[in-house]
């Protein structure tokens, strides 16, 4: 199983640099692709920020979110957040030198529970994943 964090999905659905390469990697993956309910919230936030900052239009935001939701429904496993994931994320935040953000700690906790490899474009999150033994999908 490959757990995709929001940095990857934002790049894919808002056509950021490297998106074509990501699509190629995911098309050849022989694993189940997964996201969590938290990812739905974060993608809505990414879309809003991109519109507010002029990186996309209202119609571009709506189209990207619609494509994302279709992709999740048709091609991914959507996992709910377990209450224990919040407690695990809090423990993962106990290493201040990693400078991990709360949302990223929640992604790590979920990937860890699922025993999934993590695909992220966020270097800070990748470093924390390695620190905590969460495998990175390369």
N, C-alpha and C. Protein backbone atom coordinates (compact mmCIF):
# COMPACT_ATOMS: atom_id res chain seq x y z
N UNK A 1 0.84 -1.18 0.00
CA UNK A 1 0.00 0.00 0.00
C UNK A 1 0.88 1.24 0.00
N UNK A 2 0.49 2.22 -0.79
CA UNK A 2 1.19 3.51 -0.84
C UNK A 2 0.23 4.58 -0.35
N UNK A 3 0.63 5.27 0.71
CA UNK A 3 -0.17 6.36 1.25
C UNK A 3 0.35 7.66 0.65
N UNK A 4 -0.52 8.37 -0.04
CA UNK A 4 -0.14 9.64 -0.67
C UNK A 4 -0.50 10.79 0.25
N UNK A 5 0.46 11.65 0.51
CA UNK A 5 0.15 12.83 1.32
C UNK A 5 -0.29 13.97 0.40
N UNK A 6 -0.72 15.03 0.99
CA UNK A 6 -1.31 16.13 0.24
C UNK A 6 -0.32 16.85 -0.65
N UNK A 7 0.96 16.85 -0.30
CA UNK A 7 1.94 17.51 -1.17
C UNK A 7 1.97 16.86 -2.55
N UNK A 8 1.82 15.57 -2.60
CA UNK A 8 1.80 14.84 -3.87
C UNK A 8 0.51 15.14 -4.63
N UNK A 9 -0.59 15.07 -3.93
CA UNK A 9 -1.89 15.27 -4.59
C UNK A 9 -2.06 16.71 -5.06
N UNK A 10 -1.59 17.65 -4.27
CA UNK A 10 -1.64 19.05 -4.71
C UNK A 10 -0.84 19.25 -5.99
N UNK A 11 0.34 18.64 -6.04
CA UNK A 11 1.18 18.75 -7.24
C UNK A 11 0.49 18.12 -8.44
N UNK A 12 -0.15 16.98 -8.23
CA UNK A 12 -0.82 16.30 -9.34
C UNK A 12 -2.01 17.09 -9.87
N UNK A 13 -2.87 17.51 -8.99
CA UNK A 13 -4.14 18.09 -9.44
C UNK A 13 -4.07 19.58 -9.73
N UNK A 14 -2.97 20.21 -9.35
CA UNK A 14 -2.77 21.61 -9.72
C UNK A 14 -1.59 21.75 -10.67
N UNK A 15 -1.20 20.63 -11.25
CA UNK A 15 -0.19 20.56 -12.32
C UNK A 15 1.08 21.34 -12.00
N UNK A 16 1.62 21.03 -10.83
CA UNK A 16 2.86 21.66 -10.41
C UNK A 16 4.04 20.96 -11.08
N UNK A 17 5.22 21.58 -11.04
CA UNK A 17 6.39 20.92 -11.62
C UNK A 17 6.58 19.52 -11.04
N UNK A 18 6.90 18.58 -11.90
CA UNK A 18 7.11 17.20 -11.48
C UNK A 18 5.87 16.35 -11.49
N UNK A 19 4.72 16.94 -11.82
CA UNK A 19 3.46 16.18 -11.79
C UNK A 19 3.47 15.05 -12.81
N UNK A 20 4.01 15.29 -14.00
CA UNK A 20 4.03 14.26 -15.04
C UNK A 20 4.83 13.05 -14.56
N UNK A 21 5.96 13.31 -13.92
CA UNK A 21 6.78 12.22 -13.39
C UNK A 21 6.02 11.45 -12.31
N UNK A 22 5.31 12.16 -11.45
CA UNK A 22 4.52 11.50 -10.40
C UNK A 22 3.46 10.59 -11.01
N UNK A 23 2.78 11.07 -12.03
CA UNK A 23 1.74 10.27 -12.68
C UNK A 23 2.36 8.99 -13.23
N UNK A 24 3.50 9.10 -13.88
CA UNK A 24 4.19 7.92 -14.42
C UNK A 24 4.54 6.93 -13.33
N UNK A 25 5.05 7.43 -12.22
CA UNK A 25 5.40 6.55 -11.10
C UNK A 25 4.18 5.85 -10.54
N UNK A 26 3.09 6.57 -10.40
CA UNK A 26 1.89 5.98 -9.83
C UNK A 26 1.23 5.00 -10.80
N UNK A 27 1.31 5.27 -12.10
CA UNK A 27 0.72 4.37 -13.08
C UNK A 27 1.44 3.02 -13.11
N UNK A 28 2.71 3.01 -12.77
CA UNK A 28 3.46 1.76 -12.79
C UNK A 28 3.51 1.08 -11.42
N UNK A 29 2.96 1.71 -10.42
CA UNK A 29 2.96 1.11 -9.08
C UNK A 29 1.99 -0.07 -9.06
N UNK A 30 2.44 -1.15 -8.45
CA UNK A 30 1.59 -2.34 -8.33
C UNK A 30 1.01 -2.45 -6.93
N UNK A 31 0.84 -1.32 -6.28
CA UNK A 31 0.31 -1.29 -4.92
C UNK A 31 -1.02 -0.54 -4.89
N UNK A 32 -1.76 -0.79 -3.85
CA UNK A 32 -2.98 -0.04 -3.58
C UNK A 32 -2.58 1.37 -3.19
N UNK A 33 -3.26 2.36 -3.73
CA UNK A 33 -3.03 3.76 -3.37
C UNK A 33 -4.04 4.15 -2.32
N UNK A 34 -3.59 4.85 -1.29
CA UNK A 34 -4.48 5.20 -0.19
C UNK A 34 -4.31 6.66 0.23
N UNK A 35 -5.39 7.22 0.71
CA UNK A 35 -5.41 8.53 1.36
C UNK A 35 -6.34 8.40 2.56
N UNK A 36 -6.32 9.42 3.39
CA UNK A 36 -7.21 9.42 4.55
C UNK A 36 -8.23 10.54 4.41
N UNK A 37 -9.21 10.50 5.28
CA UNK A 37 -10.22 11.56 5.30
C UNK A 37 -9.56 12.92 5.56
N UNK A 38 -8.45 12.93 6.29
CA UNK A 38 -7.73 14.18 6.55
C UNK A 38 -7.26 14.79 5.24
N UNK A 39 -6.89 13.97 4.28
CA UNK A 39 -6.40 14.44 2.98
C UNK A 39 -7.50 15.23 2.26
N UNK A 40 -8.74 14.83 2.42
CA UNK A 40 -9.85 15.55 1.79
C UNK A 40 -9.90 16.99 2.30
N UNK A 41 -9.71 17.15 3.61
CA UNK A 41 -9.71 18.48 4.21
C UNK A 41 -8.51 19.30 3.73
N UNK A 42 -7.35 18.67 3.72
CA UNK A 42 -6.16 19.39 3.29
C UNK A 42 -6.22 19.79 1.82
N UNK A 43 -6.77 18.94 0.97
CA UNK A 43 -6.88 19.30 -0.45
C UNK A 43 -7.84 20.48 -0.64
N UNK A 44 -8.90 20.53 0.13
CA UNK A 44 -9.81 21.68 0.07
C UNK A 44 -9.06 22.94 0.48
N UNK A 45 -8.20 22.83 1.49
CA UNK A 45 -7.41 23.97 1.94
C UNK A 45 -6.40 24.40 0.87
N UNK A 46 -5.70 23.44 0.28
CA UNK A 46 -4.74 23.74 -0.79
C UNK A 46 -5.45 24.49 -1.92
N UNK A 47 -6.61 23.99 -2.32
CA UNK A 47 -7.36 24.60 -3.42
C UNK A 47 -7.75 26.04 -3.08
N UNK A 48 -8.22 26.25 -1.88
CA UNK A 48 -8.60 27.61 -1.46
C UNK A 48 -7.42 28.55 -1.44
N UNK A 49 -6.30 28.07 -0.92
CA UNK A 49 -5.09 28.91 -0.88
C UNK A 49 -4.64 29.26 -2.29
N UNK A 50 -4.66 28.28 -3.18
CA UNK A 50 -4.23 28.54 -4.56
C UNK A 50 -5.14 29.58 -5.24
N UNK A 51 -6.42 29.52 -4.96
CA UNK A 51 -7.33 30.51 -5.54
C UNK A 51 -7.09 31.89 -4.91
N UNK A 52 -6.99 31.95 -3.59
CA UNK A 52 -6.79 33.23 -2.90
C UNK A 52 -5.50 33.92 -3.32
N UNK A 53 -4.47 33.12 -3.61
CA UNK A 53 -3.17 33.69 -3.96
C UNK A 53 -3.00 33.88 -5.47
N UNK A 54 -4.06 33.63 -6.23
CA UNK A 54 -4.01 33.85 -7.67
C UNK A 54 -3.29 32.78 -8.46
N UNK A 55 -3.01 31.64 -7.85
CA UNK A 55 -2.35 30.55 -8.56
C UNK A 55 -3.32 29.75 -9.41
N UNK A 56 -4.61 29.92 -9.16
CA UNK A 56 -5.64 29.29 -9.96
C UNK A 56 -6.89 30.16 -9.89
N UNK A 57 -7.80 29.89 -10.78
CA UNK A 57 -9.09 30.60 -10.80
C UNK A 57 -10.13 29.80 -10.03
N UNK A 58 -11.28 30.38 -9.83
CA UNK A 58 -12.37 29.65 -9.17
C UNK A 58 -12.73 28.40 -9.96
N UNK A 59 -12.79 28.53 -11.27
CA UNK A 59 -13.13 27.36 -12.09
C UNK A 59 -11.99 26.34 -12.09
N UNK A 60 -10.75 26.81 -12.04
CA UNK A 60 -9.61 25.90 -11.95
C UNK A 60 -9.60 25.16 -10.63
N UNK A 61 -9.92 25.86 -9.55
CA UNK A 61 -10.02 25.23 -8.23
C UNK A 61 -11.09 24.15 -8.24
N UNK A 62 -12.26 24.50 -8.76
CA UNK A 62 -13.37 23.55 -8.78
C UNK A 62 -13.05 22.33 -9.65
N UNK A 63 -12.42 22.54 -10.79
CA UNK A 63 -12.07 21.43 -11.69
C UNK A 63 -11.04 20.51 -11.04
N UNK A 64 -10.03 21.11 -10.39
CA UNK A 64 -8.99 20.29 -9.75
C UNK A 64 -9.59 19.46 -8.61
N UNK A 65 -10.45 20.07 -7.81
CA UNK A 65 -11.07 19.32 -6.71
C UNK A 65 -11.99 18.23 -7.23
N UNK A 66 -12.73 18.51 -8.29
CA UNK A 66 -13.61 17.49 -8.87
C UNK A 66 -12.78 16.31 -9.39
N UNK A 67 -11.68 16.60 -10.08
CA UNK A 67 -10.81 15.54 -10.59
C UNK A 67 -10.21 14.74 -9.43
N UNK A 68 -9.80 15.44 -8.39
CA UNK A 68 -9.24 14.77 -7.21
C UNK A 68 -10.27 13.83 -6.60
N UNK A 69 -11.50 14.30 -6.39
CA UNK A 69 -12.53 13.46 -5.77
C UNK A 69 -12.88 12.26 -6.65
N UNK A 70 -12.88 12.45 -7.97
CA UNK A 70 -13.10 11.31 -8.88
C UNK A 70 -11.98 10.29 -8.73
N UNK A 71 -10.74 10.77 -8.69
CA UNK A 71 -9.59 9.89 -8.54
C UNK A 71 -9.67 9.10 -7.24
N UNK A 72 -10.01 9.76 -6.16
CA UNK A 72 -10.14 9.07 -4.87
C UNK A 72 -11.23 8.01 -4.96
N UNK A 73 -12.39 8.37 -5.52
CA UNK A 73 -13.51 7.43 -5.60
C UNK A 73 -13.22 6.23 -6.50
N UNK A 74 -12.53 6.47 -7.60
CA UNK A 74 -12.33 5.42 -8.60
C UNK A 74 -11.05 4.62 -8.44
N UNK A 75 -10.02 5.22 -7.84
CA UNK A 75 -8.70 4.59 -7.89
C UNK A 75 -7.99 4.44 -6.57
N UNK A 76 -8.60 4.88 -5.50
CA UNK A 76 -7.87 4.88 -4.22
C UNK A 76 -8.70 4.24 -3.12
N UNK A 77 -7.99 3.85 -2.08
CA UNK A 77 -8.63 3.43 -0.84
C UNK A 77 -8.68 4.66 0.06
N UNK A 78 -9.85 4.98 0.55
CA UNK A 78 -10.03 6.10 1.47
C UNK A 78 -10.19 5.52 2.86
N UNK A 79 -9.25 5.85 3.74
CA UNK A 79 -9.32 5.34 5.10
C UNK A 79 -9.77 6.45 6.05
N UNK A 80 -10.57 6.07 7.00
CA UNK A 80 -11.01 7.02 8.02
C UNK A 80 -9.90 7.18 9.06
N UNK A 81 -9.98 8.24 9.80
CA UNK A 81 -9.01 8.50 10.86
C UNK A 81 -9.48 7.77 12.11
N UNK A 82 -8.60 7.00 12.68
CA UNK A 82 -8.88 6.29 13.92
C UNK A 82 -8.54 7.25 15.07
N UNK A 83 -9.33 7.28 16.12
CA UNK A 83 -8.99 8.16 17.24
C UNK A 83 -7.56 7.97 17.75
N UNK A 84 -7.05 6.76 17.69
CA UNK A 84 -5.67 6.50 18.14
C UNK A 84 -4.66 7.21 17.24
N UNK A 85 -5.02 7.51 15.99
CA UNK A 85 -4.10 8.22 15.09
C UNK A 85 -3.74 9.60 15.66
N UNK A 86 -4.70 10.25 16.31
CA UNK A 86 -4.43 11.56 16.89
C UNK A 86 -3.42 11.45 18.04
N UNK A 87 -3.58 10.41 18.86
CA UNK A 87 -2.65 10.21 19.96
C UNK A 87 -1.26 9.86 19.43
N UNK A 88 -1.21 9.02 18.40
CA UNK A 88 0.09 8.68 17.81
C UNK A 88 0.75 9.91 17.22
N UNK A 89 -0.03 10.74 16.53
CA UNK A 89 0.52 11.97 15.95
C UNK A 89 1.10 12.86 17.03
N UNK A 90 0.43 12.94 18.17
CA UNK A 90 0.94 13.76 19.28
C UNK A 90 2.29 13.25 19.76
N UNK A 91 2.44 11.94 19.81
CA UNK A 91 3.73 11.36 20.22
C UNK A 91 4.79 11.66 19.16
N UNK A 92 4.43 11.57 17.88
CA UNK A 92 5.38 11.84 16.81
C UNK A 92 5.87 13.30 16.85
N UNK A 93 5.07 14.18 17.38
CA UNK A 93 5.45 15.59 17.49
C UNK A 93 6.42 15.85 18.64
N UNK A 94 6.72 14.81 19.40
CA UNK A 94 7.56 14.96 20.59
C UNK A 94 9.05 15.05 20.28
N UNK A 95 9.39 15.19 19.00
CA UNK A 95 10.80 15.35 18.60
C UNK A 95 10.93 16.72 17.95
N UNK A 96 11.11 17.79 18.75
CA UNK A 96 11.12 19.15 18.21
C UNK A 96 12.15 19.37 17.10
N UNK A 97 13.23 18.62 17.12
CA UNK A 97 14.27 18.82 16.10
C UNK A 97 13.77 18.45 14.70
N UNK A 98 12.70 17.64 14.61
CA UNK A 98 12.16 17.26 13.31
C UNK A 98 11.29 18.36 12.70
N UNK A 99 10.87 19.31 13.49
CA UNK A 99 10.00 20.43 13.07
C UNK A 99 8.79 19.96 12.27
N UNK A 100 8.22 18.87 12.70
CA UNK A 100 7.06 18.29 12.04
C UNK A 100 5.81 19.09 12.38
N UNK A 101 4.97 19.32 11.38
CA UNK A 101 3.68 20.00 11.60
C UNK A 101 2.63 18.97 12.01
N UNK A 102 1.60 19.42 12.71
CA UNK A 102 0.58 18.51 13.24
C UNK A 102 -0.10 17.70 12.13
N UNK A 103 -0.47 18.35 11.04
CA UNK A 103 -1.13 17.63 9.96
C UNK A 103 -0.24 16.57 9.35
N UNK A 104 1.04 16.86 9.23
CA UNK A 104 1.98 15.89 8.68
C UNK A 104 2.20 14.73 9.66
N UNK A 105 2.20 15.03 10.94
CA UNK A 105 2.31 13.96 11.94
C UNK A 105 1.09 13.05 11.86
N UNK A 106 -0.08 13.62 11.59
CA UNK A 106 -1.28 12.80 11.44
C UNK A 106 -1.16 11.89 10.21
N UNK A 107 -0.67 12.43 9.09
CA UNK A 107 -0.43 11.58 7.92
C UNK A 107 0.53 10.43 8.27
N UNK A 108 1.61 10.74 8.97
CA UNK A 108 2.57 9.70 9.34
C UNK A 108 1.93 8.64 10.24
N UNK A 109 1.13 9.08 11.19
CA UNK A 109 0.47 8.13 12.09
C UNK A 109 -0.45 7.20 11.31
N UNK A 110 -1.17 7.74 10.35
CA UNK A 110 -2.08 6.92 9.55
C UNK A 110 -1.30 5.95 8.67
N UNK A 111 -0.27 6.43 8.00
CA UNK A 111 0.56 5.56 7.15
C UNK A 111 1.17 4.44 8.00
N UNK A 112 1.61 4.80 9.18
CA UNK A 112 2.20 3.81 10.09
C UNK A 112 1.19 2.74 10.48
N UNK A 113 -0.02 3.18 10.83
CA UNK A 113 -1.07 2.22 11.20
C UNK A 113 -1.41 1.30 10.04
N UNK A 114 -1.44 1.85 8.83
CA UNK A 114 -1.77 1.05 7.64
C UNK A 114 -0.60 0.19 7.17
N UNK A 115 0.58 0.43 7.76
CA UNK A 115 1.82 -0.24 7.31
C UNK A 115 2.05 0.03 5.83
N UNK A 116 1.84 1.28 5.46
CA UNK A 116 1.95 1.72 4.07
C UNK A 116 3.25 2.48 3.86
N UNK A 117 3.75 2.43 2.64
CA UNK A 117 4.84 3.31 2.26
C UNK A 117 4.29 4.70 2.04
N UNK A 118 5.03 5.71 2.39
CA UNK A 118 4.58 7.09 2.26
C UNK A 118 5.19 7.72 1.02
N UNK A 119 4.34 8.33 0.21
CA UNK A 119 4.82 9.11 -0.92
C UNK A 119 4.55 10.57 -0.60
N UNK A 120 5.62 11.35 -0.48
CA UNK A 120 5.52 12.76 -0.13
C UNK A 120 6.56 13.56 -0.91
N UNK A 121 6.26 14.80 -1.15
CA UNK A 121 7.22 15.73 -1.74
C UNK A 121 7.80 16.66 -0.67
N UNK A 122 7.34 16.50 0.55
CA UNK A 122 7.72 17.34 1.67
C UNK A 122 8.97 16.75 2.34
N UNK A 123 10.10 17.41 2.18
CA UNK A 123 11.37 16.91 2.72
C UNK A 123 11.31 16.76 4.23
N UNK A 124 10.69 17.69 4.93
CA UNK A 124 10.59 17.63 6.39
C UNK A 124 9.82 16.38 6.81
N UNK A 125 8.72 16.12 6.12
CA UNK A 125 7.92 14.94 6.44
C UNK A 125 8.68 13.66 6.09
N UNK A 126 9.39 13.66 4.99
CA UNK A 126 10.18 12.48 4.60
C UNK A 126 11.25 12.19 5.65
N UNK A 127 11.90 13.23 6.15
CA UNK A 127 12.90 13.04 7.21
C UNK A 127 12.28 12.45 8.47
N UNK A 128 11.11 12.95 8.83
CA UNK A 128 10.43 12.42 10.01
C UNK A 128 10.00 10.97 9.79
N UNK A 129 9.54 10.65 8.59
CA UNK A 129 9.15 9.27 8.28
C UNK A 129 10.34 8.34 8.46
N UNK A 130 11.48 8.74 7.94
CA UNK A 130 12.68 7.92 8.10
C UNK A 130 13.06 7.78 9.57
N UNK A 131 12.96 8.87 10.30
CA UNK A 131 13.28 8.85 11.73
C UNK A 131 12.40 7.84 12.48
N UNK A 132 11.11 7.79 12.12
CA UNK A 132 10.16 6.92 12.82
C UNK A 132 9.97 5.56 12.16
N UNK A 133 10.74 5.27 11.13
CA UNK A 133 10.66 3.95 10.50
C UNK A 133 9.47 3.75 9.59
N UNK A 134 8.86 4.83 9.13
CA UNK A 134 7.79 4.73 8.14
C UNK A 134 8.46 4.68 6.77
N UNK A 135 8.28 3.59 6.02
CA UNK A 135 8.99 3.49 4.73
C UNK A 135 8.52 4.55 3.74
N UNK A 136 9.47 5.05 2.99
CA UNK A 136 9.15 6.01 1.93
C UNK A 136 9.02 5.27 0.62
N UNK A 137 8.00 5.63 -0.15
CA UNK A 137 7.85 5.07 -1.48
C UNK A 137 8.68 5.92 -2.42
N UNK A 138 9.62 5.30 -3.08
CA UNK A 138 10.51 6.04 -3.96
C UNK A 138 10.21 5.74 -5.42
